[in-house]
Amino acid sequence: MAMPDYSVAEAKNNLPKLLDRALAGEEVTITRRGKPIAKIIANQPVAPGDDRPKSANDVEWIRRHRVTPKVEVDAGELVREMRDDFRY
């Protein structure tokens, strides 16, 4: 797999995405005026069987771990009950 190259400006604007790519095992090269000046690599790459979220907004991880309630809940009714139970 070819290592992706990003200019300093692109890296600045996309740092979270580049860090996620590094955690996924890619080496990301940062360039200035077309010349490589730095590489981003993961300190500890995520193991293939590791099922932790790769970032704070890892939507696929959230979808895989979504919990379906066993009982259907009416959110409006729940809020009314909580409000009525609250004592000032």
N, C-alpha and C. Protein backbone atom coordinates (compact mmCIF):
# COMPACT_ATOMS: atom_id res chain seq x y z
N MET A 1 0.84 -1.17 0.00
CA MET A 1 0.00 0.00 0.00
C MET A 1 0.89 1.23 0.00
N ALA A 2 0.59 2.18 -0.87
CA ALA A 2 1.39 3.40 -0.95
C ALA A 2 1.06 4.31 0.23
N MET A 3 2.13 4.95 0.73
CA MET A 3 1.93 5.87 1.84
C MET A 3 1.36 7.18 1.30
N PRO A 4 0.27 7.66 1.89
CA PRO A 4 -0.29 8.92 1.42
C PRO A 4 0.59 10.09 1.84
N ASP A 5 0.67 11.10 0.97
CA ASP A 5 1.43 12.32 1.25
C ASP A 5 0.45 13.47 1.43
N TYR A 6 0.72 14.31 2.42
CA TYR A 6 -0.10 15.49 2.69
C TYR A 6 0.81 16.68 2.89
N SER A 7 0.41 17.82 2.32
CA SER A 7 1.16 19.04 2.57
C SER A 7 0.94 19.45 4.02
N VAL A 8 1.77 20.37 4.49
CA VAL A 8 1.62 20.85 5.87
C VAL A 8 0.22 21.42 6.07
N ALA A 9 -0.27 22.19 5.11
CA ALA A 9 -1.61 22.79 5.23
C ALA A 9 -2.69 21.71 5.29
N GLU A 10 -2.58 20.69 4.42
CA GLU A 10 -3.56 19.60 4.44
C GLU A 10 -3.51 18.84 5.77
N ALA A 11 -2.30 18.61 6.26
CA ALA A 11 -2.15 17.90 7.53
C ALA A 11 -2.77 18.70 8.67
N LYS A 12 -2.55 20.00 8.67
CA LYS A 12 -3.11 20.86 9.70
C LYS A 12 -4.63 20.79 9.70
N ASN A 13 -5.23 20.80 8.52
CA ASN A 13 -6.69 20.80 8.40
C ASN A 13 -7.31 19.43 8.61
N ASN A 14 -6.51 18.35 8.55
CA ASN A 14 -7.05 16.99 8.61
C ASN A 14 -6.38 16.13 9.67
N LEU A 15 -5.79 16.75 10.69
CA LEU A 15 -5.01 15.99 11.66
C LEU A 15 -5.77 14.83 12.29
N PRO A 16 -7.02 15.00 12.77
CA PRO A 16 -7.71 13.84 13.37
C PRO A 16 -7.84 12.67 12.40
N LYS A 17 -8.14 12.97 11.13
CA LYS A 17 -8.26 11.90 10.12
C LYS A 17 -6.91 11.21 9.91
N LEU A 18 -5.84 12.00 9.88
CA LEU A 18 -4.51 11.42 9.67
C LEU A 18 -4.09 10.56 10.85
N LEU A 19 -4.44 10.98 12.05
CA LEU A 19 -4.14 10.16 13.23
C LEU A 19 -4.91 8.85 13.20
N ASP A 20 -6.17 8.90 12.77
CA ASP A 20 -6.96 7.68 12.63
C ASP A 20 -6.33 6.73 11.62
N ARG A 21 -5.82 7.27 10.53
CA ARG A 21 -5.16 6.43 9.51
C ARG A 21 -3.91 5.79 10.09
N ALA A 22 -3.16 6.57 10.88
CA ALA A 22 -1.95 6.02 11.51
C ALA A 22 -2.32 4.90 12.47
N LEU A 23 -3.39 5.11 13.25
CA LEU A 23 -3.82 4.06 14.18
C LEU A 23 -4.27 2.81 13.44
N ALA A 24 -4.75 2.99 12.22
CA ALA A 24 -5.17 1.84 11.40
C ALA A 24 -3.98 1.12 10.78
N GLY A 25 -2.75 1.64 11.02
CA GLY A 25 -1.56 0.96 10.53
C GLY A 25 -0.88 1.62 9.35
N GLU A 26 -1.42 2.73 8.86
CA GLU A 26 -0.80 3.41 7.72
C GLU A 26 0.30 4.36 8.21
N GLU A 27 1.27 4.57 7.35
CA GLU A 27 2.26 5.63 7.59
C GLU A 27 1.84 6.81 6.72
N VAL A 28 1.73 7.97 7.33
CA VAL A 28 1.32 9.18 6.61
C VAL A 28 2.52 10.12 6.53
N THR A 29 2.83 10.58 5.33
CA THR A 29 3.97 11.47 5.12
C THR A 29 3.49 12.91 4.97
N ILE A 30 4.15 13.82 5.70
CA ILE A 30 3.87 15.25 5.61
C ILE A 30 4.96 15.87 4.74
N THR A 31 4.55 16.69 3.78
CA THR A 31 5.51 17.31 2.87
C THR A 31 5.46 18.83 2.97
N ARG A 32 6.58 19.44 2.66
CA ARG A 32 6.65 20.90 2.53
C ARG A 32 7.31 21.16 1.18
N ARG A 33 6.58 21.90 0.35
CA ARG A 33 7.05 22.19 -1.02
C ARG A 33 7.41 20.91 -1.78
N GLY A 34 6.62 19.87 -1.55
CA GLY A 34 6.78 18.61 -2.26
C GLY A 34 7.84 17.67 -1.71
N LYS A 35 8.54 18.09 -0.65
CA LYS A 35 9.59 17.24 -0.08
C LYS A 35 9.15 16.70 1.27
N PRO A 36 9.35 15.40 1.50
CA PRO A 36 8.93 14.80 2.79
C PRO A 36 9.70 15.43 3.95
N ILE A 37 8.97 15.81 5.00
CA ILE A 37 9.63 16.37 6.18
C ILE A 37 9.28 15.61 7.46
N ALA A 38 8.19 14.85 7.46
CA ALA A 38 7.79 14.12 8.66
C ALA A 38 6.89 12.96 8.29
N LYS A 39 6.83 11.98 9.20
CA LYS A 39 5.91 10.85 9.05
C LYS A 39 5.11 10.72 10.32
N ILE A 40 3.83 10.38 10.15
CA ILE A 40 2.98 10.06 11.29
C ILE A 40 2.80 8.55 11.29
N ILE A 41 3.22 7.92 12.37
CA ILE A 41 3.01 6.48 12.55
C ILE A 41 2.45 6.27 13.94
N ALA A 42 1.71 5.22 14.12
CA ALA A 42 1.11 4.94 15.42
C ALA A 42 2.18 4.49 16.40
N ASN A 43 2.08 5.00 17.60
CA ASN A 43 2.98 4.57 18.66
C ASN A 43 2.75 3.10 18.96
N GLN A 44 1.49 2.72 19.04
CA GLN A 44 1.11 1.33 19.23
C GLN A 44 -0.07 1.05 18.30
N PRO A 45 0.18 0.45 17.15
CA PRO A 45 -0.93 0.19 16.21
C PRO A 45 -2.02 -0.65 16.87
N VAL A 46 -3.23 -0.42 16.43
CA VAL A 46 -4.36 -1.19 16.94
C VAL A 46 -4.28 -2.60 16.37
N ALA A 47 -4.36 -3.58 17.26
CA ALA A 47 -4.31 -4.98 16.83
C ALA A 47 -5.57 -5.32 16.04
N PRO A 48 -5.46 -6.24 15.06
CA PRO A 48 -6.62 -6.58 14.23
C PRO A 48 -7.85 -7.02 15.03
N GLY A 49 -7.66 -7.72 16.14
CA GLY A 49 -8.80 -8.18 16.92
C GLY A 49 -9.29 -7.18 17.95
N ASP A 50 -8.62 -6.04 18.04
CA ASP A 50 -8.96 -5.02 19.02
C ASP A 50 -10.22 -4.29 18.58
N ASP A 51 -11.24 -4.30 19.42
CA ASP A 51 -12.52 -3.71 19.02
C ASP A 51 -12.81 -2.42 19.78
N ARG A 52 -11.79 -1.61 19.99
CA ARG A 52 -12.01 -0.29 20.59
C ARG A 52 -12.33 0.71 19.49
N PRO A 53 -13.05 1.78 19.83
CA PRO A 53 -13.31 2.80 18.80
C PRO A 53 -11.99 3.43 18.36
N LYS A 54 -11.89 3.75 17.07
CA LYS A 54 -10.66 4.31 16.53
C LYS A 54 -10.59 5.82 16.74
N SER A 55 -11.73 6.43 17.05
CA SER A 55 -11.77 7.86 17.35
C SER A 55 -13.03 8.13 18.14
N ALA A 56 -13.17 9.37 18.58
CA ALA A 56 -14.35 9.73 19.38
C ALA A 56 -15.63 9.67 18.56
N ASN A 57 -15.53 9.72 17.26
CA ASN A 57 -16.72 9.66 16.41
C ASN A 57 -16.67 8.48 15.45
N ASP A 58 -16.26 7.33 15.95
CA ASP A 58 -16.19 6.10 15.16
C ASP A 58 -17.61 5.54 15.00
N VAL A 59 -18.31 6.00 13.98
CA VAL A 59 -19.71 5.67 13.79
C VAL A 59 -19.92 4.17 13.59
N GLU A 60 -19.05 3.53 12.87
CA GLU A 60 -19.20 2.08 12.65
C GLU A 60 -19.10 1.32 13.96
N TRP A 61 -18.18 1.70 14.85
CA TRP A 61 -18.06 1.05 16.16
C TRP A 61 -19.34 1.27 16.96
N ILE A 62 -19.86 2.49 16.91
CA ILE A 62 -21.11 2.79 17.63
C ILE A 62 -22.24 1.94 17.10
N ARG A 63 -22.35 1.80 15.79
CA ARG A 63 -23.42 0.97 15.20
C ARG A 63 -23.29 -0.49 15.64
N ARG A 64 -22.05 -1.00 15.67
CA ARG A 64 -21.85 -2.40 16.07
C ARG A 64 -22.20 -2.64 17.54
N HIS A 65 -22.09 -1.61 18.37
CA HIS A 65 -22.30 -1.78 19.81
C HIS A 65 -23.60 -1.15 20.31
N ARG A 66 -24.48 -0.79 19.39
CA ARG A 66 -25.75 -0.19 19.77
C ARG A 66 -26.58 -1.21 20.55
N VAL A 67 -27.18 -0.76 21.62
CA VAL A 67 -28.01 -1.62 22.45
C VAL A 67 -29.47 -1.29 22.18
N THR A 68 -30.26 -2.32 21.92
CA THR A 68 -31.69 -2.13 21.70
C THR A 68 -32.41 -2.36 23.02
N PRO A 69 -33.23 -1.38 23.44
CA PRO A 69 -33.94 -1.58 24.71
C PRO A 69 -34.89 -2.76 24.64
N LYS A 70 -35.03 -3.47 25.76
CA LYS A 70 -35.92 -4.63 25.81
C LYS A 70 -37.38 -4.21 25.88
N VAL A 71 -37.62 -3.00 26.37
CA VAL A 71 -38.99 -2.49 26.49
C VAL A 71 -39.06 -1.17 25.74
N GLU A 72 -40.11 -1.00 24.94
CA GLU A 72 -40.24 0.25 24.21
C GLU A 72 -40.60 1.36 25.20
N VAL A 73 -39.92 2.49 25.07
CA VAL A 73 -40.10 3.60 26.01
C VAL A 73 -40.58 4.82 25.25
N ASP A 74 -41.61 5.48 25.81
CA ASP A 74 -42.07 6.75 25.26
C ASP A 74 -41.26 7.84 25.94
N ALA A 75 -40.36 8.47 25.20
CA ALA A 75 -39.44 9.45 25.79
C ALA A 75 -40.19 10.60 26.44
N GLY A 76 -41.27 11.08 25.83
CA GLY A 76 -42.04 12.17 26.40
C GLY A 76 -42.64 11.79 27.75
N GLU A 77 -43.18 10.60 27.82
CA GLU A 77 -43.77 10.12 29.07
C GLU A 77 -42.69 9.96 30.14
N LEU A 78 -41.54 9.46 29.76
CA LEU A 78 -40.44 9.29 30.71
C LEU A 78 -40.00 10.64 31.28
N VAL A 79 -39.88 11.65 30.43
CA VAL A 79 -39.50 12.98 30.90
C VAL A 79 -40.56 13.54 31.84
N ARG A 80 -41.85 13.36 31.50
CA ARG A 80 -42.93 13.84 32.38
C ARG A 80 -42.85 13.17 33.75
N GLU A 81 -42.61 11.87 33.76
CA GLU A 81 -42.50 11.15 35.04
C GLU A 81 -41.32 11.66 35.85
N MET A 82 -40.19 11.87 35.19
CA MET A 82 -39.02 12.37 35.92
C MET A 82 -39.28 13.77 36.45
N ARG A 83 -39.93 14.59 35.65
CA ARG A 83 -40.25 15.96 36.09
C ARG A 83 -41.20 15.92 37.28
N ASP A 84 -42.22 15.09 37.21
CA ASP A 84 -43.22 15.00 38.29
C ASP A 84 -42.63 14.43 39.57
N ASP A 85 -41.63 13.54 39.43
CA ASP A 85 -41.01 12.93 40.61
C ASP A 85 -40.00 13.85 41.28
N PHE A 86 -39.53 14.87 40.58
CA PHE A 86 -38.50 15.75 41.09
C PHE A 86 -39.09 16.66 42.17
N ARG A 87 -38.46 16.73 43.31
CA ARG A 87 -38.90 17.59 44.40
C ARG A 87 -37.95 18.76 44.50
N TYR A 88 -38.47 19.96 44.50
CA TYR A 88 -37.63 21.17 44.60
C TYR A 88 -37.14 21.35 45.97
